[in-house]
Amino acid sequence: METLAVTLTLTTVMTFLALLIGGMVGWLARQHHLEQQYVAYTHPEMFDENGNVIPDEILAVRFENDYDSSEDDED
């Protein structure tokens, strides 16, 4: 009976440790995979004829709505 209790205890501890280590390794592998597959989306107009990203000539425009109606337009 004593051998059965020791065997069950060791099996339970080893199973728990295997699940814990497997979960941690799986989580780290998933994080690594997600970081490696990330590709920033770029628009086709940002590339030159050879498919390289153009470092210059990229213009960022910001439009702001001006709701200030302090100026009255008189026609």
Protein backbone atom coordinates (compact mmCIF):
# COMPACT_ATOMS: atom_id res chain seq x y z
CA MET A 1 0.00 0.00 0.00
CA GLU A 2 2.89 2.32 0.74
CA THR A 3 4.34 1.85 -2.75
CA LEU A 4 1.01 2.81 -4.31
CA ALA A 5 0.84 6.06 -2.31
CA VAL A 6 4.39 7.02 -3.27
CA THR A 7 3.75 6.19 -6.92
CA LEU A 8 0.53 8.22 -7.01
CA THR A 9 2.17 11.16 -5.27
CA LEU A 10 5.17 11.22 -7.61
CA THR A 11 2.94 10.78 -10.66
CA THR A 12 0.72 13.66 -9.56
CA VAL A 13 3.67 15.97 -8.87
CA MET A 14 5.41 15.08 -12.15
CA THR A 15 2.17 15.57 -14.12
CA PHE A 16 1.60 18.98 -12.54
CA LEU A 17 5.20 20.07 -13.24
CA ALA A 18 5.01 18.82 -16.83
CA LEU A 19 1.79 20.76 -17.44
CA LEU A 20 3.25 23.88 -15.83
CA ILE A 21 6.50 23.76 -17.79
CA GLY A 22 4.67 22.84 -21.01
CA GLY A 23 2.29 25.76 -20.58
CA MET A 24 5.13 28.20 -19.99
CA VAL A 25 7.15 26.93 -22.97
CA GLY A 26 4.05 27.05 -25.17
CA TRP A 27 3.24 30.58 -24.09
CA LEU A 28 6.80 31.77 -24.76
CA ALA A 29 6.81 30.04 -28.16
CA ARG A 30 3.51 31.71 -29.04
CA GLN A 31 4.83 35.14 -28.04
CA HIS A 32 7.97 34.57 -30.10
CA HIS A 33 5.91 33.48 -33.09
CA LEU A 34 3.63 36.52 -32.86
CA GLU A 35 6.60 38.89 -32.66
CA GLN A 36 8.30 37.26 -35.64
CA GLN A 37 5.27 37.31 -37.92
CA TYR A 38 4.33 40.96 -37.28
CA VAL A 39 4.63 42.99 -40.47
CA ALA A 40 3.66 46.63 -40.50
CA TYR A 41 1.10 47.39 -43.17
CA THR A 42 2.30 49.88 -45.76
CA HIS A 43 0.44 51.37 -48.66
CA PRO A 44 1.57 50.54 -52.22
CA GLU A 45 2.35 54.19 -52.94
CA MET A 46 5.13 54.07 -50.32
CA PHE A 47 7.26 51.77 -52.51
CA ASP A 48 9.57 52.61 -55.40
CA GLU A 49 9.88 50.67 -58.68
CA ASN A 50 12.06 48.00 -57.02
CA GLY A 51 9.70 47.37 -54.11
CA ASN A 52 11.78 49.23 -51.52
CA VAL A 53 10.15 51.58 -49.05
CA ILE A 54 10.69 55.21 -50.03
CA PRO A 55 12.34 56.96 -47.06
CA ASP A 56 11.66 60.44 -48.44
CA GLU A 57 8.75 62.12 -50.09
CA ILE A 58 6.19 60.78 -47.64
CA LEU A 59 3.80 63.50 -46.63
CA ALA A 60 1.57 63.35 -43.60
CA VAL A 61 -1.43 65.65 -43.64
CA ARG A 62 -3.65 66.36 -40.67
CA PHE A 63 -7.04 67.91 -41.24
CA GLU A 64 -8.67 69.60 -38.29
CA ASN A 65 -12.27 70.68 -38.19
CA ASP A 66 -12.51 74.28 -37.16
CA TYR A 67 -15.86 74.77 -35.52
CA ASP A 68 -15.00 78.24 -34.31
CA SER A 69 -17.76 80.43 -35.70
CA SER A 70 -16.51 83.72 -34.28
CA GLU A 71 -16.01 85.08 -37.77
CA ASP A 72 -19.25 85.88 -39.55
CA ASP A 73 -19.14 85.58 -43.32
CA GLU A 74 -21.00 88.42 -44.92
CA ASP A 75 -21.71 88.23 -48.64
